[in-house]
PDB file of N, CA and C in Angstrom:
ATOM      1  N   MET A   1      -6.075 -11.017  38.522  1.00  0.00           N
ATOM      2  CA  MET A   1      -7.335 -10.654  37.950  1.00  0.00           C
ATOM      3  C   MET A   1      -7.271 -10.659  36.457  1.00  0.00           C
ATOM      4  N   LYS A   2      -8.226 -11.335  35.884  1.00  0.00           N
ATOM      5  CA  LYS A   2      -8.357 -11.478  34.389  1.00  0.00           C
ATOM      6  C   LYS A   2      -8.921 -10.333  33.757  1.00  0.00           C
ATOM      7  N   GLY A   3      -8.429  -9.976  32.667  1.00  0.00           N
ATOM      8  CA  GLY A   3      -9.009  -8.830  31.829  1.00  0.00           C
ATOM      9  C   GLY A   3     -10.248  -9.241  31.140  1.00  0.00           C
ATOM     10  N   LYS A   4     -10.967  -8.335  30.650  1.00  0.00           N
ATOM     11  CA  LYS A   4     -12.189  -8.564  29.927  1.00  0.00           C
ATOM     12  C   LYS A   4     -11.948  -9.368  28.688  1.00  0.00           C
ATOM     13  N   ARG A   5     -10.784  -9.076  27.983  1.00  0.00           N
ATOM     14  CA  ARG A   5     -10.522  -9.802  26.869  1.00  0.00           C
ATOM     15  C   ARG A   5     -10.326 -11.315  27.123  1.00  0.00           C
ATOM     16  N   GLN A   6      -9.794 -11.710  28.186  1.00  0.00           N
ATOM     17  CA  GLN A   6      -9.562 -13.134  28.432  1.00  0.00           C
ATOM     18  C   GLN A   6     -10.854 -13.824  28.708  1.00  0.00           C
ATOM     19  N   GLU A   7     -11.891 -13.086  29.300  1.00  0.00           N
ATOM     20  CA  GLU A   7     -13.083 -13.689  29.609  1.00  0.00           C
ATOM     21  C   GLU A   7     -13.929 -13.963  28.458  1.00  0.00           C
ATOM     22  N   LYS A   8     -13.819 -13.284  27.393  1.00  0.00           N
ATOM     23  CA  LYS A   8     -14.662 -13.362  26.190  1.00  0.00           C
ATOM     24  C   LYS A   8     -14.148 -14.622  25.394  1.00  0.00           C
ATOM     25  N   LYS A   9     -15.213 -15.348  24.881  1.00  0.00           N
ATOM     26  CA  LYS A   9     -14.888 -16.462  24.030  1.00  0.00           C
ATOM     27  C   LYS A   9     -15.060 -15.993  22.592  1.00  0.00           C
ATOM     28  N   ARG A  10     -14.184 -16.521  21.714  1.00  0.00           N
ATOM     29  CA  ARG A  10     -14.378 -16.327  20.362  1.00  0.00           C
ATOM     30  C   ARG A  10     -15.469 -17.054  19.763  1.00  0.00           C
ATOM     31  N   PRO A  11     -16.173 -16.514  18.767  1.00  0.00           N
ATOM     32  CA  PRO A  11     -17.297 -17.217  18.267  1.00  0.00           C
ATOM     33  C   PRO A  11     -16.818 -18.524  17.497  1.00  0.00           C
ATOM     34  N   ALA A  12     -17.558 -19.549  17.595  1.00  0.00           N
ATOM     35  CA  ALA A  12     -17.233 -20.711  16.894  1.00  0.00           C
ATOM     36  C   ALA A  12     -17.574 -20.641  15.442  1.00  0.00           C
ATOM     37  N   VAL A  13     -16.632 -21.145  14.676  1.00  0.00           N
ATOM     38  CA  VAL A  13     -16.725 -21.090  13.185  1.00  0.00           C
ATOM     39  C   VAL A  13     -17.375 -22.346  12.770  1.00  0.00           C
ATOM     40  N   THR A  14     -18.627 -22.242  12.180  1.00  0.00           N
ATOM     41  CA  THR A  14     -19.354 -23.430  11.781  1.00  0.00           C
ATOM     42  C   THR A  14     -18.608 -24.040  10.511  1.00  0.00           C
ATOM     43  N   PRO A  15     -18.797 -25.366  10.316  1.00  0.00           N
ATOM     44  CA  PRO A  15     -18.183 -25.951   9.047  1.00  0.00           C
ATOM     45  C   PRO A  15     -18.572 -25.287   7.820  1.00  0.00           C
ATOM     46  N   ALA A  16     -19.810 -24.848   7.729  1.00  0.00           N
ATOM     47  CA  ALA A  16     -20.236 -24.142   6.471  1.00  0.00           C
ATOM     48  C   ALA A  16     -19.535 -22.760   6.343  1.00  0.00           C
ATOM     49  N   ARG A  17     -19.310 -22.101   7.378  1.00  0.00           N
ATOM     50  CA  ARG A  17     -18.662 -20.767   7.361  1.00  0.00           C
ATOM     51  C   ARG A  17     -17.246 -21.026   7.040  1.00  0.00           C
ATOM     52  N   ALA A  18     -16.547 -22.057   7.570  1.00  0.00           N
ATOM     53  CA  ALA A  18     -15.206 -22.406   7.330  1.00  0.00           C
ATOM     54  C   ALA A  18     -15.023 -22.717   5.835  1.00  0.00           C
ATOM     55  N   LEU A  19     -16.006 -23.464   5.166  1.00  0.00           N
ATOM     56  CA  LEU A  19     -15.867 -23.660   3.784  1.00  0.00           C
ATOM     57  C   LEU A  19     -15.952 -22.303   2.959  1.00  0.00           C
ATOM     58  N   GLU A  20     -16.970 -21.475   3.341  1.00  0.00           N
ATOM     59  CA  GLU A  20     -16.996 -20.209   2.673  1.00  0.00           C
ATOM     60  C   GLU A  20     -15.751 -19.440   2.814  1.00  0.00           C
ATOM     61  N   GLN A  21     -15.095 -19.374   3.951  1.00  0.00           N
ATOM     62  CA  GLN A  21     -13.843 -18.710   4.196  1.00  0.00           C
ATOM     63  C   GLN A  21     -12.698 -19.314   3.340  1.00  0.00           C
ATOM     64  N   GLN A  22     -12.667 -20.562   3.219  1.00  0.00           N
ATOM     65  CA  GLN A  22     -11.636 -21.289   2.385  1.00  0.00           C
ATOM     66  C   GLN A  22     -11.874 -20.940   0.967  1.00  0.00           C
ATOM     67  N   ALA A  23     -13.102 -21.036   0.517  1.00  0.00           N
ATOM     68  CA  ALA A  23     -13.405 -20.715  -0.929  1.00  0.00           C
ATOM     69  C   ALA A  23     -12.987 -19.324  -1.263  1.00  0.00           C
ATOM     70  N   ARG A  24     -13.336 -18.295  -0.302  1.00  0.00           N
ATOM     71  CA  ARG A  24     -12.924 -16.929  -0.584  1.00  0.00           C
ATOM     72  C   ARG A  24     -11.344 -16.834  -0.616  1.00  0.00           C
ATOM     73  N   LYS A  25     -10.729 -17.458   0.223  1.00  0.00           N
ATOM     74  CA  LYS A  25      -9.246 -17.417   0.333  1.00  0.00           C
ATOM     75  C   LYS A  25      -8.630 -17.981  -1.057  1.00  0.00           C
ATOM     76  N   ASP A  26      -9.181 -19.066  -1.470  1.00  0.00           N
ATOM     77  CA  ASP A  26      -8.737 -19.721  -2.789  1.00  0.00           C
ATOM     78  C   ASP A  26      -8.945 -18.800  -3.943  1.00  0.00           C
ATOM     79  N   ARG A  27     -10.217 -18.081  -3.936  1.00  0.00           N
ATOM     80  CA  ARG A  27     -10.475 -17.161  -5.101  1.00  0.00           C
ATOM     81  C   ARG A  27      -9.478 -16.060  -5.097  1.00  0.00           C
ATOM     82  N   LEU A  28      -9.277 -15.511  -3.962  1.00  0.00           N
ATOM     83  CA  LEU A  28      -8.313 -14.423  -3.807  1.00  0.00           C
ATOM     84  C   LEU A  28      -6.889 -14.751  -4.255  1.00  0.00           C
ATOM     85  N   ALA A  29      -6.525 -15.975  -3.780  1.00  0.00           N
ATOM     86  CA  ALA A  29      -5.133 -16.440  -4.219  1.00  0.00           C
ATOM     87  C   ALA A  29      -5.092 -16.592  -5.751  1.00  0.00           C
ATOM     88  N   GLU A  30      -6.036 -17.189  -6.324  1.00  0.00           N
ATOM     89  CA  GLU A  30      -6.025 -17.357  -7.819  1.00  0.00           C
ATOM     90  C   GLU A  30      -6.084 -16.004  -8.469  1.00  0.00           C
ATOM     91  N   ALA A  31      -6.860 -14.972  -7.972  1.00  0.00           N
ATOM     92  CA  ALA A  31      -6.900 -13.619  -8.540  1.00  0.00           C
ATOM     93  C   ALA A  31      -5.494 -12.984  -8.435  1.00  0.00           C
ATOM     94  N   LEU A  32      -4.744 -13.164  -7.376  1.00  0.00           N
ATOM     95  CA  LEU A  32      -3.459 -12.612  -7.244  1.00  0.00           C
ATOM     96  C   LEU A  32      -2.474 -13.294  -8.209  1.00  0.00           C
ATOM     97  N   ARG A  33      -2.531 -14.576  -8.386  1.00  0.00           N
ATOM     98  CA  ARG A  33      -1.703 -15.237  -9.308  1.00  0.00           C
ATOM     99  C   ARG A  33      -1.899 -14.750 -10.724  1.00  0.00           C
ATOM    100  N   GLU A  34      -3.301 -14.612 -11.100  1.00  0.00           N
ATOM    101  CA  GLU A  34      -3.637 -14.198 -12.530  1.00  0.00           C
ATOM    102  C   GLU A  34      -3.078 -12.709 -12.705  1.00  0.00           C
ATOM    103  N   ASN A  35      -3.175 -11.920 -11.658  1.00  0.00           N
ATOM    104  CA  ASN A  35      -2.716 -10.544 -11.735  1.00  0.00           C
ATOM    105  C   ASN A  35      -1.233 -10.495 -11.992  1.00  0.00           C
ATOM    106  N   LEU A  36      -0.537 -11.391 -11.257  1.00  0.00           N
ATOM    107  CA  LEU A  36       0.927 -11.423 -11.410  1.00  0.00           C
ATOM    108  C   LEU A  36       1.279 -11.929 -12.871  1.00  0.00           C
ATOM    109  N   ARG A  37       0.590 -12.925 -13.335  1.00  0.00           N
ATOM    110  CA  ARG A  37       0.853 -13.386 -14.674  1.00  0.00           C
ATOM    111  C   ARG A  37       0.680 -12.229 -15.706  1.00  0.00           C
ATOM    112  N   LYS A  38      -0.486 -11.558 -15.554  1.00  0.00           N
ATOM    113  CA  LYS A  38      -0.712 -10.357 -16.392  1.00  0.00           C
ATOM    114  C   LYS A  38       0.322  -9.324 -16.398  1.00  0.00           C
ATOM    115  N   ARG A  39       0.842  -8.980 -15.227  1.00  0.00           N
ATOM    116  CA  ARG A  39       1.839  -7.934 -15.012  1.00  0.00           C
ATOM    117  C   ARG A  39       3.120  -8.427 -15.708  1.00  0.00           C
ATOM    118  N   LYS A  40       3.397  -9.674 -15.531  1.00  0.00           N
ATOM    119  CA  LYS A  40       4.665 -10.278 -16.182  1.00  0.00           C
ATOM    120  C   LYS A  40       4.544 -10.206 -17.638  1.00  0.00           C
ATOM    121  N   ASP A  41       3.468 -10.614 -18.138  1.00  0.00           N
ATOM    122  CA  ASP A  41       3.244 -10.478 -19.658  1.00  0.00           C
ATOM    123  C   ASP A  41       3.407  -9.112 -20.183  1.00  0.00           C
ATOM    124  N   GLN A  42       2.742  -8.106 -19.445  1.00  0.00           N
ATOM    125  CA  GLN A  42       2.882  -6.735 -19.840  1.00  0.00           C
ATOM    126  C   GLN A  42       4.303  -6.314 -19.844  1.00  0.00           C
ATOM    127  N   LYS A  43       5.055  -6.724 -18.789  1.00  0.00           N
ATOM    128  CA  LYS A  43       6.448  -6.289 -18.708  1.00  0.00           C
ATOM    129  C   LYS A  43       7.269  -6.981 -19.924  1.00  0.00           C
ATOM    130  N   ARG A  44       6.982  -8.116 -20.266  1.00  0.00           N
ATOM    131  CA  ARG A  44       7.693  -8.832 -21.343  1.00  0.00           C
ATOM    132  C   ARG A  44       7.308  -8.072 -22.628  1.00  0.00           C
ATOM    133  N   GLU A  45       6.071  -7.758 -22.907  1.00  0.00           N
ATOM    134  CA  GLU A  45       5.697  -7.044 -23.990  1.00  0.00           C
ATOM    135  C   GLU A  45       6.397  -5.620 -24.201  1.00  0.00           C
ATOM    136  N   GLN A  46       6.537  -4.894 -23.057  1.00  0.00           N
ATOM    137  CA  GLN A  46       7.246  -3.623 -23.014  1.00  0.00           C
ATOM    138  C   GLN A  46       8.741  -3.869 -23.340  1.00  0.00           C
ATOM    139  N   MET A  47       9.288  -4.953 -22.920  1.00  0.00           N
ATOM    140  CA  MET A  47      10.722  -5.171 -23.157  1.00  0.00           C
ATOM    141  C   MET A  47      10.912  -5.511 -24.643  1.00  0.00           C
ATOM    142  N   HIS A  48      10.054  -6.287 -25.219  1.00  0.00           N
ATOM    143  CA  HIS A  48      10.084  -6.574 -26.699  1.00  0.00           C
ATOM    144  C   HIS A  48       9.822  -5.477 -27.642  1.00  0.00           C
ATOM    145  N   ALA A  49       8.961  -4.587 -27.125  1.00  0.00           N
ATOM    146  CA  ALA A  49       8.559  -3.400 -27.890  1.00  0.00           C
ATOM    147  C   ALA A  49       9.746  -2.325 -27.954  1.00  0.00           C
ATOM    148  N   GLY A  50      10.740  -2.493 -27.157  1.00  0.00           N
ATOM    149  CA  GLY A  50      11.810  -1.558 -27.179  1.00  0.00           C
ATOM    150  C   GLY A  50      11.721  -0.419 -26.153  1.00  0.00           C
ATOM    151  N   ASN A  51      10.670  -0.488 -25.343  1.00  0.00           N
ATOM    152  CA  ASN A  51      10.554   0.532 -24.265  1.00  0.00           C
ATOM    153  C   ASN A  51      11.568   0.404 -23.184  1.00  0.00           C
ATOM    154  N   GLY A  52      12.091  -0.741 -23.093  1.00  0.00           N
ATOM    155  CA  GLY A  52      13.027  -0.957 -22.009  1.00  0.00           C
ATOM    156  C   GLY A  52      12.448  -1.255 -20.623  1.00  0.00           C
ATOM    157  N   GLY A  53      11.120  -1.158 -20.621  1.00  0.00           N
ATOM    158  CA  GLY A  53      10.455  -1.478 -19.330  1.00  0.00           C
ATOM    159  C   GLY A  53      10.626  -0.416 -18.293  1.00  0.00           C
ATOM    160  N   ASP A  54      11.025   0.843 -18.686  1.00  0.00           N
ATOM    161  CA  ASP A  54      11.239   1.911 -17.790  1.00  0.00           C
ATOM    162  C   ASP A  54       9.884   2.371 -17.140  1.00  0.00           C
ATOM    163  N   LYS A  55       9.993   2.806 -15.921  1.00  0.00           N
ATOM    164  CA  LYS A  55       8.857   3.331 -15.260  1.00  0.00           C
ATOM    165  C   LYS A  55       8.586   4.756 -15.737  1.00  0.00           C
ATOM    166  N   ASP A  56       7.381   5.219 -15.485  1.00  0.00           N
ATOM    167  CA  ASP A  56       7.090   6.658 -15.889  1.00  0.00           C
ATOM    168  C   ASP A  56       7.944   7.663 -15.355  1.00  0.00           C
TER     169      ASP A  56
END
């Protein structure tokens, strides 16, 4: 006997929606890379300022 979950079909993703999803994924990936660059730069500045990069 099949469960209800197996009987349900997943909604089809239209090509337009797939493009939207990919665009969002690309924007998020770029934002994460930019955030990482920013944090690395901040860490370098702390090290050069003589703070030693210690955490609070």
